[in-house]
Amino acid sequence: SKTPGFSPTRDDRLDILDNIDLKVAGQNGSDIQFKIKRHTAFSKLMKDAIDVFQQQTGGVHS
């Protein structure tokens, strides 16, 4: 939904185009949200998702 009277600036539009909002759903029902740059390597995203999962659950990824 749009905010009445809101007009995004050029920087806002570039930020929207340059970033990806991502939600990763775990098998246990937990969700992890990330805001990543469009050019971020997928391997870095996977490592970060695993690290956050381990911190939140105390578990070990296999």
PDB file of N, CA and C in Angstrom:
ATOM      1  N   SER A   1       0.844  -1.188   0.000  1.00  0.00           N
ATOM      2  CA  SER A   1       0.000   0.000   0.000  1.00  0.00           C
ATOM      3  C   SER A   1       0.879   1.238   0.000  1.00  0.00           C
ATOM      4  N   LYS A   2       0.431   2.253  -0.680  1.00  0.00           N
ATOM      5  CA  LYS A   2       1.184   3.502  -0.766  1.00  0.00           C
ATOM      6  C   LYS A   2       0.792   4.435   0.366  1.00  0.00           C
ATOM      7  N   THR A   3       1.766   5.151   0.859  1.00  0.00           N
ATOM      8  CA  THR A   3       1.503   6.166   1.858  1.00  0.00           C
ATOM      9  C   THR A   3       1.071   7.428   1.132  1.00  0.00           C
ATOM     10  N   PRO A   4      -0.075   8.002   1.503  1.00  0.00           N
ATOM     11  CA  PRO A   4      -0.522   9.221   0.821  1.00  0.00           C
ATOM     12  C   PRO A   4       0.533  10.315   0.918  1.00  0.00           C
ATOM     13  N   GLY A   5       0.821  10.939  -0.197  1.00  0.00           N
ATOM     14  CA  GLY A   5       1.776  12.028  -0.218  1.00  0.00           C
ATOM     15  C   GLY A   5       3.226  11.585  -0.238  1.00  0.00           C
ATOM     16  N   PHE A   6       3.471  10.268  -0.235  1.00  0.00           N
ATOM     17  CA  PHE A   6       4.850   9.773  -0.251  1.00  0.00           C
ATOM     18  C   PHE A   6       5.358   9.722  -1.678  1.00  0.00           C
ATOM     19  N   SER A   7       6.468  10.370  -1.900  1.00  0.00           N
ATOM     20  CA  SER A   7       7.107  10.346  -3.209  1.00  0.00           C
ATOM     21  C   SER A   7       8.554   9.921  -3.004  1.00  0.00           C
ATOM     22  N   PRO A   8       8.898   8.687  -3.410  1.00  0.00           N
ATOM     23  CA  PRO A   8      10.263   8.226  -3.166  1.00  0.00           C
ATOM     24  C   PRO A   8      11.289   9.067  -3.912  1.00  0.00           C
ATOM     25  N   THR A   9      12.405   9.300  -3.244  1.00  0.00           N
ATOM     26  CA  THR A   9      13.489  10.048  -3.871  1.00  0.00           C
ATOM     27  C   THR A   9      14.246   9.124  -4.815  1.00  0.00           C
ATOM     28  N   ARG A  10      15.143   9.701  -5.582  1.00  0.00           N
ATOM     29  CA  ARG A  10      15.961   8.897  -6.495  1.00  0.00           C
ATOM     30  C   ARG A  10      16.760   7.866  -5.698  1.00  0.00           C
ATOM     31  N   ASP A  11      17.301   8.265  -4.549  1.00  0.00           N
ATOM     32  CA  ASP A  11      18.067   7.336  -3.718  1.00  0.00           C
ATOM     33  C   ASP A  11      17.196   6.196  -3.211  1.00  0.00           C
ATOM     34  N   ASP A  12      15.938   6.502  -2.842  1.00  0.00           N
ATOM     35  CA  ASP A  12      15.008   5.456  -2.405  1.00  0.00           C
ATOM     36  C   ASP A  12      14.781   4.452  -3.523  1.00  0.00           C
ATOM     37  N   ARG A  13      14.580   4.958  -4.729  1.00  0.00           N
ATOM     38  CA  ARG A  13      14.327   4.073  -5.870  1.00  0.00           C
ATOM     39  C   ARG A  13      15.553   3.221  -6.175  1.00  0.00           C
ATOM     40  N   LEU A  14      16.739   3.811  -6.092  1.00  0.00           N
ATOM     41  CA  LEU A  14      17.957   3.041  -6.335  1.00  0.00           C
ATOM     42  C   LEU A  14      18.146   1.978  -5.264  1.00  0.00           C
ATOM     43  N   ASP A  15      17.813   2.311  -4.014  1.00  0.00           N
ATOM     44  CA  ASP A  15      17.916   1.351  -2.922  1.00  0.00           C
ATOM     45  C   ASP A  15      16.975   0.175  -3.161  1.00  0.00           C
ATOM     46  N   ILE A  16      15.770   0.460  -3.618  1.00  0.00           N
ATOM     47  CA  ILE A  16      14.798  -0.593  -3.900  1.00  0.00           C
ATOM     48  C   ILE A  16      15.311  -1.499  -5.011  1.00  0.00           C
ATOM     49  N   LEU A  17      15.887  -0.912  -6.044  1.00  0.00           N
ATOM     50  CA  LEU A  17      16.390  -1.693  -7.165  1.00  0.00           C
ATOM     51  C   LEU A  17      17.661  -2.456  -6.813  1.00  0.00           C
ATOM     52  N   ASP A  18      18.451  -1.937  -5.887  1.00  0.00           N
ATOM     53  CA  ASP A  18      19.758  -2.503  -5.575  1.00  0.00           C
ATOM     54  C   ASP A  18      19.703  -3.571  -4.487  1.00  0.00           C
ATOM     55  N   ASN A  19      18.612  -3.648  -3.741  1.00  0.00           N
ATOM     56  CA  ASN A  19      18.507  -4.583  -2.627  1.00  0.00           C
ATOM     57  C   ASN A  19      17.400  -5.599  -2.858  1.00  0.00           C
ATOM     58  N   ILE A  20      17.561  -6.754  -2.237  1.00  0.00           N
ATOM     59  CA  ILE A  20      16.555  -7.811  -2.283  1.00  0.00           C
ATOM     60  C   ILE A  20      16.176  -8.132  -0.850  1.00  0.00           C
ATOM     61  N   ASP A  21      14.887  -8.114  -0.546  1.00  0.00           N
ATOM     62  CA  ASP A  21      14.398  -8.554   0.752  1.00  0.00           C
ATOM     63  C   ASP A  21      14.033 -10.024   0.605  1.00  0.00           C
ATOM     64  N   LEU A  22      14.577 -10.864   1.482  1.00  0.00           N
ATOM     65  CA  LEU A  22      14.433 -12.302   1.347  1.00  0.00           C
ATOM     66  C   LEU A  22      14.049 -12.901   2.685  1.00  0.00           C
ATOM     67  N   LYS A  23      13.110 -13.832   2.664  1.00  0.00           N
ATOM     68  CA  LYS A  23      12.726 -14.554   3.870  1.00  0.00           C
ATOM     69  C   LYS A  23      13.020 -16.032   3.636  1.00  0.00           C
ATOM     70  N   VAL A  24      13.796 -16.630   4.545  1.00  0.00           N
ATOM     71  CA  VAL A  24      14.141 -18.042   4.457  1.00  0.00           C
ATOM     72  C   VAL A  24      13.351 -18.776   5.529  1.00  0.00           C
ATOM     73  N   ALA A  25      12.555 -19.761   5.112  1.00  0.00           N
ATOM     74  CA  ALA A  25      11.727 -20.527   6.038  1.00  0.00           C
ATOM     75  C   ALA A  25      12.444 -21.820   6.410  1.00  0.00           C
ATOM     76  N   GLY A  26      12.594 -22.051   7.704  1.00  0.00           N
ATOM     77  CA  GLY A  26      13.217 -23.284   8.177  1.00  0.00           C
ATOM     78  C   GLY A  26      12.195 -24.398   8.272  1.00  0.00           C
ATOM     79  N   GLN A  27      12.662 -25.637   8.302  1.00  0.00           N
ATOM     80  CA  GLN A  27      11.766 -26.786   8.402  1.00  0.00           C
ATOM     81  C   GLN A  27      11.028 -26.807   9.728  1.00  0.00           C
ATOM     82  N   ASN A  28      11.581 -26.146  10.736  1.00  0.00           N
ATOM     83  CA  ASN A  28      10.948 -26.115  12.055  1.00  0.00           C
ATOM     84  C   ASN A  28       9.929 -24.981  12.187  1.00  0.00           C
ATOM     85  N   GLY A  29       9.665 -24.278  11.076  1.00  0.00           N
ATOM     86  CA  GLY A  29       8.672 -23.208  11.089  1.00  0.00           C
ATOM     87  C   GLY A  29       9.237 -21.830  11.371  1.00  0.00           C
ATOM     88  N   SER A  30      10.532 -21.740  11.648  1.00  0.00           N
ATOM     89  CA  SER A  30      11.130 -20.433  11.910  1.00  0.00           C
ATOM     90  C   SER A  30      11.436 -19.724  10.597  1.00  0.00           C
ATOM     91  N   ASP A  31      11.418 -18.408  10.633  1.00  0.00           N
ATOM     92  CA  ASP A  31      11.740 -17.593   9.466  1.00  0.00           C
ATOM     93  C   ASP A  31      12.941 -16.716   9.786  1.00  0.00           C
ATOM     94  N   ILE A  32      13.812 -16.549   8.801  1.00  0.00           N
ATOM     95  CA  ILE A  32      14.955 -15.653   8.907  1.00  0.00           C
ATOM     96  C   ILE A  32      14.832 -14.660   7.769  1.00  0.00           C
ATOM     97  N   GLN A  33      14.894 -13.364   8.085  1.00  0.00           N
ATOM     98  CA  GLN A  33      14.774 -12.347   7.050  1.00  0.00           C
ATOM     99  C   GLN A  33      16.130 -11.708   6.794  1.00  0.00           C
ATOM    100  N   PHE A  34      16.412 -11.497   5.511  1.00  0.00           N
ATOM    101  CA  PHE A  34      17.657 -10.880   5.081  1.00  0.00           C
ATOM    102  C   PHE A  34      17.348  -9.742   4.137  1.00  0.00           C
ATOM    103  N   LYS A  35      18.175  -8.727   4.166  1.00  0.00           N
ATOM    104  CA  LYS A  35      18.168  -7.683   3.147  1.00  0.00           C
ATOM    105  C   LYS A  35      19.560  -7.715   2.545  1.00  0.00           C
ATOM    106  N   ILE A  36      19.638  -8.129   1.289  1.00  0.00           N
ATOM    107  CA  ILE A  36      20.937  -8.322   0.658  1.00  0.00           C
ATOM    108  C   ILE A  36      21.074  -7.439  -0.573  1.00  0.00           C
ATOM    109  N   LYS A  37      22.303  -7.156  -0.922  1.00  0.00           N
ATOM    110  CA  LYS A  37      22.588  -6.436  -2.160  1.00  0.00           C
ATOM    111  C   LYS A  37      22.371  -7.394  -3.326  1.00  0.00           C
ATOM    112  N   ARG A  38      21.945  -6.860  -4.438  1.00  0.00           N
ATOM    113  CA  ARG A  38      21.668  -7.670  -5.617  1.00  0.00           C
ATOM    114  C   ARG A  38      22.909  -8.449  -6.082  1.00  0.00           C
ATOM    115  N   HIS A  39      24.109  -7.912  -5.848  1.00  0.00           N
ATOM    116  CA  HIS A  39      25.327  -8.559  -6.322  1.00  0.00           C
ATOM    117  C   HIS A  39      25.958  -9.509  -5.295  1.00  0.00           C
ATOM    118  N   THR A  40      25.306  -9.743  -4.149  1.00  0.00           N
ATOM    119  CA  THR A  40      25.845 -10.638  -3.128  1.00  0.00           C
ATOM    120  C   THR A  40      25.906 -12.071  -3.660  1.00  0.00           C
ATOM    121  N   ALA A  41      27.021 -12.736  -3.438  1.00  0.00           N
ATOM    122  CA  ALA A  41      27.179 -14.121  -3.887  1.00  0.00           C
ATOM    123  C   ALA A  41      26.210 -15.032  -3.132  1.00  0.00           C
ATOM    124  N   PHE A  42      25.623 -15.998  -3.851  1.00  0.00           N
ATOM    125  CA  PHE A  42      24.675 -16.923  -3.235  1.00  0.00           C
ATOM    126  C   PHE A  42      25.349 -17.727  -2.122  1.00  0.00           C
ATOM    127  N   SER A  43      26.617 -18.064  -2.286  1.00  0.00           N
ATOM    128  CA  SER A  43      27.332 -18.826  -1.260  1.00  0.00           C
ATOM    129  C   SER A  43      27.406 -18.049   0.057  1.00  0.00           C
ATOM    130  N   LYS A  44      27.564 -16.726  -0.008  1.00  0.00           N
ATOM    131  CA  LYS A  44      27.584 -15.894   1.201  1.00  0.00           C
ATOM    132  C   LYS A  44      26.212 -15.900   1.863  1.00  0.00           C
ATOM    133  N   LEU A  45      25.156 -15.799   1.065  1.00  0.00           N
ATOM    134  CA  LEU A  45      23.804 -15.844   1.605  1.00  0.00           C
ATOM    135  C   LEU A  45      23.558 -17.168   2.323  1.00  0.00           C
ATOM    136  N   MET A  46      23.958 -18.278   1.712  1.00  0.00           N
ATOM    137  CA  MET A  46      23.761 -19.588   2.328  1.00  0.00           C
ATOM    138  C   MET A  46      24.539 -19.688   3.645  1.00  0.00           C
ATOM    139  N   LYS A  47      25.788 -19.226   3.657  1.00  0.00           N
ATOM    140  CA  LYS A  47      26.592 -19.276   4.877  1.00  0.00           C
ATOM    141  C   LYS A  47      25.940 -18.446   5.976  1.00  0.00           C
ATOM    142  N   ASP A  48      25.484 -17.243   5.632  1.00  0.00           N
ATOM    143  CA  ASP A  48      24.848 -16.372   6.621  1.00  0.00           C
ATOM    144  C   ASP A  48      23.557 -16.989   7.146  1.00  0.00           C
ATOM    145  N   ALA A  49      22.767 -17.599   6.267  1.00  0.00           N
ATOM    146  CA  ALA A  49      21.512 -18.233   6.689  1.00  0.00           C
ATOM    147  C   ALA A  49      21.802 -19.377   7.656  1.00  0.00           C
ATOM    148  N   ILE A  50      22.812 -20.179   7.359  1.00  0.00           N
ATOM    149  CA  ILE A  50      23.179 -21.291   8.237  1.00  0.00           C
ATOM    150  C   ILE A  50      23.687 -20.767   9.577  1.00  0.00           C
ATOM    151  N   ASP A  51      24.516 -19.732   9.554  1.00  0.00           N
ATOM    152  CA  ASP A  51      25.032 -19.146  10.798  1.00  0.00           C
ATOM    153  C   ASP A  51      23.899 -18.634  11.683  1.00  0.00           C
ATOM    154  N   VAL A  52      22.940 -17.931  11.099  1.00  0.00           N
ATOM    155  CA  VAL A  52      21.809 -17.400  11.874  1.00  0.00           C
ATOM    156  C   VAL A  52      20.975 -18.543  12.432  1.00  0.00           C
ATOM    157  N   PHE A  53      20.724 -19.566  11.620  1.00  0.00           N
ATOM    158  CA  PHE A  53      19.957 -20.724  12.081  1.00  0.00           C
ATOM    159  C   PHE A  53      20.638 -21.365  13.288  1.00  0.00           C
ATOM    160  N   GLN A  54      21.950 -21.554  13.199  1.00  0.00           N
ATOM    161  CA  GLN A  54      22.679 -22.173  14.304  1.00  0.00           C
ATOM    162  C   GLN A  54      22.641 -21.309  15.556  1.00  0.00           C
ATOM    163  N   GLN A  55      22.734 -20.003  15.399  1.00  0.00           N
ATOM    164  CA  GLN A  55      22.670 -19.103  16.554  1.00  0.00           C
ATOM    165  C   GLN A  55      21.295 -19.157  17.208  1.00  0.00           C
ATOM    166  N   GLN A  56      20.243 -19.208  16.382  1.00  0.00           N
ATOM    167  CA  GLN A  56      18.886 -19.179  16.923  1.00  0.00           C
ATOM    168  C   GLN A  56      18.492 -20.499  17.563  1.00  0.00           C
ATOM    169  N   THR A  57      18.981 -21.607  17.024  1.00  0.00           N
ATOM    170  CA  THR A  57      18.526 -22.907  17.499  1.00  0.00           C
ATOM    171  C   THR A  57      19.563 -23.656  18.319  1.00  0.00           C
ATOM    172  N   GLY A  58      20.809 -23.210  18.249  1.00  0.00           N
ATOM    173  CA  GLY A  58      21.866 -23.959  18.913  1.00  0.00           C
ATOM    174  C   GLY A  58      22.162 -25.259  18.189  1.00  0.00           C
ATOM    175  N   GLY A  59      21.596 -25.396  17.004  1.00  0.00           N
ATOM    176  CA  GLY A  59      21.743 -26.622  16.227  1.00  0.00           C
ATOM    177  C   GLY A  59      22.947 -26.598  15.318  1.00  0.00           C
ATOM    178  N   VAL A  60      23.167 -27.735  14.705  1.00  0.00           N
ATOM    179  CA  VAL A  60      24.266 -27.894  13.763  1.00  0.00           C
ATOM    180  C   VAL A  60      23.678 -28.269  12.422  1.00  0.00           C
ATOM    181  N   HIS A  61      24.107 -27.578  11.383  1.00  0.00           N
ATOM    182  CA  HIS A  61      23.641 -27.875  10.033  1.00  0.00           C
ATOM    183  C   HIS A  61      24.420 -29.055   9.496  1.00  0.00           C
ATOM    184  N   SER A  62      23.729 -30.008   8.891  1.00  0.00           N
ATOM    185  CA  SER A  62      24.425 -31.170   8.324  1.00  0.00           C
ATOM    186  C   SER A  62      24.367 -31.162   6.822  1.00  0.00           C
TER     187      SER A  62
END
